[in-house]
Amino acid sequence: MEILKIGKDLSVNPSSLEWQESDLDSSEGSGRNVLGDMFRDRITVKRKLSVTFPPMLTSEMSKILKAIEPIFFDITYPDPKEGKNVTMNVYVSDRTVPVYCFDKDANEWLWQGLAIEFIER
């Protein structure tokens, strides 16, 4: 069973998946008063998944990179807070992956270290 579903059709098993939840505060309604006490105007809470993938051939890498090409798309993943699989609408930031070597048997390049941050919209 694959741990991560990207869009409607692509299911993958990353080598790591790190869940993060962040508060987004208003810049005008948050800060410290003259006594140093913190006050907050929380606007919302957003989640981010930091995912890395094991080495893979160009044909496999291409499927992932094409699946994350839209500006916004859905992913489904196991959410530790909800205790079940959750579908989240996300976007991604920069995508970088170094080439590792050429696989003569597969006649394809082998890529390593694809890291993606899926950020809740």
Foldseek 3Di string as FASTA:
>chain_A
DAFKDQFDDDGHHFPDKDKDKDWDWDPVQWDADPVRDTDTHTPDMWMKIKTKHAKDWPVVVVVVCVSQPDQKGWMWHQDPVVRGIDIAIWHKDDWDWAWDAQDPVVRTTIIGITIIMTIGD
